[in-house]
Amino acid sequence: MEILEYGRKHDLKIKDFIDIEISSRENKKQRRIEELLEKLHAGNILIISELSRLGRSTSEVIDIVNETEG
């Protein structure tokens, strides 16, 4: 609900949600990170509830961010 409220306050159209209730210790496929990255296009904004949901470590999060910039 907080993400929807953030989108409303900032006039963002939220197109899709990927709701995941799995440990960040699982691999990227099980966490659906690859699915997420495939859906992102230039100009999209990714909003996550917790940074820890994106990666298991700071370096993994940085790798994912770098991957989205390419």
C-alpha atoms as a PDB file:
ATOM      1  CA  MET A   1       0.000   0.000   0.000  1.00  0.00           C
ATOM      2  CA  GLU A   2       2.886   2.361   0.733  1.00  0.00           C
ATOM      3  CA  ILE A   3       4.198   1.983  -2.808  1.00  0.00           C
ATOM      4  CA  LEU A   4       0.795   2.858  -4.230  1.00  0.00           C
ATOM      5  CA  GLU A   5       0.604   5.889  -1.961  1.00  0.00           C
ATOM      6  CA  TYR A   6       4.108   6.977  -3.015  1.00  0.00           C
ATOM      7  CA  GLY A   7       3.096   6.668  -6.662  1.00  0.00           C
ATOM      8  CA  ARG A   8      -0.043   8.701  -6.099  1.00  0.00           C
ATOM      9  CA  LYS A   9       1.816  11.459  -4.262  1.00  0.00           C
ATOM     10  CA  HIS A  10       4.443  11.696  -6.996  1.00  0.00           C
ATOM     11  CA  ASP A  11       2.043  11.312  -9.926  1.00  0.00           C
ATOM     12  CA  LEU A  12       3.598   8.013 -11.027  1.00  0.00           C
ATOM     13  CA  LYS A  13       1.672   5.421 -12.987  1.00  0.00           C
ATOM     14  CA  ILE A  14       2.351   2.030 -11.431  1.00  0.00           C
ATOM     15  CA  LYS A  15       2.100  -0.492 -14.225  1.00  0.00           C
ATOM     16  CA  ASP A  16       3.015  -3.732 -12.506  1.00  0.00           C
ATOM     17  CA  PHE A  17       3.890  -5.324  -9.188  1.00  0.00           C
ATOM     18  CA  ILE A  18       6.105  -8.297  -8.549  1.00  0.00           C
ATOM     19  CA  ASP A  19       5.227  -9.470  -5.066  1.00  0.00           C
ATOM     20  CA  ILE A  20       7.841 -11.791  -3.643  1.00  0.00           C
ATOM     21  CA  GLU A  21       7.816 -13.459  -0.266  1.00  0.00           C
ATOM     22  CA  ILE A  22      11.045 -15.412  -0.407  1.00  0.00           C
ATOM     23  CA  SER A  23      14.358 -15.068   1.360  1.00  0.00           C
ATOM     24  CA  SER A  24      16.943 -12.848  -0.292  1.00  0.00           C
ATOM     25  CA  ARG A  25      19.319 -15.767   0.262  1.00  0.00           C
ATOM     26  CA  GLU A  26      17.698 -17.609  -2.642  1.00  0.00           C
ATOM     27  CA  ASN A  27      19.158 -17.260  -6.114  1.00  0.00           C
ATOM     28  CA  LYS A  28      18.185 -14.461  -8.513  1.00  0.00           C
ATOM     29  CA  LYS A  29      15.849 -16.712 -10.514  1.00  0.00           C
ATOM     30  CA  GLN A  30      13.918 -17.834  -7.449  1.00  0.00           C
ATOM     31  CA  ARG A  31      13.683 -14.201  -6.277  1.00  0.00           C
ATOM     32  CA  ARG A  32      12.364 -13.269  -9.768  1.00  0.00           C
ATOM     33  CA  ILE A  33      15.055 -10.617 -10.233  1.00  0.00           C
ATOM     34  CA  GLU A  34      15.603 -11.650 -13.863  1.00  0.00           C
ATOM     35  CA  GLU A  35      11.872 -11.348 -14.531  1.00  0.00           C
ATOM     36  CA  LEU A  36      11.932  -7.898 -12.986  1.00  0.00           C
ATOM     37  CA  LEU A  37      14.907  -6.751 -15.052  1.00  0.00           C
ATOM     38  CA  GLU A  38      13.297  -7.996 -18.268  1.00  0.00           C
ATOM     39  CA  LYS A  39      10.254  -5.802 -17.581  1.00  0.00           C
ATOM     40  CA  LEU A  40      12.275  -2.624 -17.066  1.00  0.00           C
ATOM     41  CA  HIS A  41      12.734  -0.271 -20.000  1.00  0.00           C
ATOM     42  CA  ALA A  42      14.546   3.031 -20.425  1.00  0.00           C
ATOM     43  CA  GLY A  43      12.806   5.708 -18.395  1.00  0.00           C
ATOM     44  CA  ASN A  44      11.120   3.264 -16.006  1.00  0.00           C
ATOM     45  CA  ILE A  45      11.340   3.795 -12.269  1.00  0.00           C
ATOM     46  CA  LEU A  46      11.820   0.808  -9.988  1.00  0.00           C
ATOM     47  CA  ILE A  47      10.353   1.172  -6.503  1.00  0.00           C
ATOM     48  CA  ILE A  48      11.131  -1.482  -3.917  1.00  0.00           C
ATOM     49  CA  SER A  49       9.893  -1.785  -0.371  1.00  0.00           C
ATOM     50  CA  GLU A  50      13.324  -2.680   1.025  1.00  0.00           C
ATOM     51  CA  LEU A  51      16.772  -2.598  -0.537  1.00  0.00           C
ATOM     52  CA  SER A  52      17.411  -6.028   0.972  1.00  0.00           C
ATOM     53  CA  ARG A  53      14.701  -7.448  -1.322  1.00  0.00           C
ATOM     54  CA  LEU A  54      16.791  -6.565  -4.354  1.00  0.00           C
ATOM     55  CA  GLY A  55      20.025  -8.251  -3.325  1.00  0.00           C
ATOM     56  CA  ARG A  56      21.782 -10.315  -0.719  1.00  0.00           C
ATOM     57  CA  SER A  57      24.689  -7.932  -0.403  1.00  0.00           C
ATOM     58  CA  THR A  58      25.690  -4.412  -1.292  1.00  0.00           C
ATOM     59  CA  SER A  59      27.790  -5.700  -4.173  1.00  0.00           C
ATOM     60  CA  GLU A  60      24.868  -7.694  -5.594  1.00  0.00           C
ATOM     61  CA  VAL A  61      22.594  -4.644  -5.404  1.00  0.00           C
ATOM     62  CA  ILE A  62      25.262  -2.564  -7.165  1.00  0.00           C
ATOM     63  CA  ASP A  63      25.584  -5.241  -9.864  1.00  0.00           C
ATOM     64  CA  ILE A  64      21.811  -5.208 -10.420  1.00  0.00           C
ATOM     65  CA  VAL A  65      21.742  -1.402 -10.579  1.00  0.00           C
ATOM     66  CA  ASN A  66      24.625  -1.439 -13.072  1.00  0.00           C
ATOM     67  CA  GLU A  67      22.767  -4.053 -15.121  1.00  0.00           C
ATOM     68  CA  THR A  68      19.731  -1.771 -15.385  1.00  0.00           C
ATOM     69  CA  GLU A  69      21.858   1.115 -16.642  1.00  0.00           C
ATOM     70  CA  GLY A  70      23.082  -0.859 -19.661  1.00  0.00           C
END
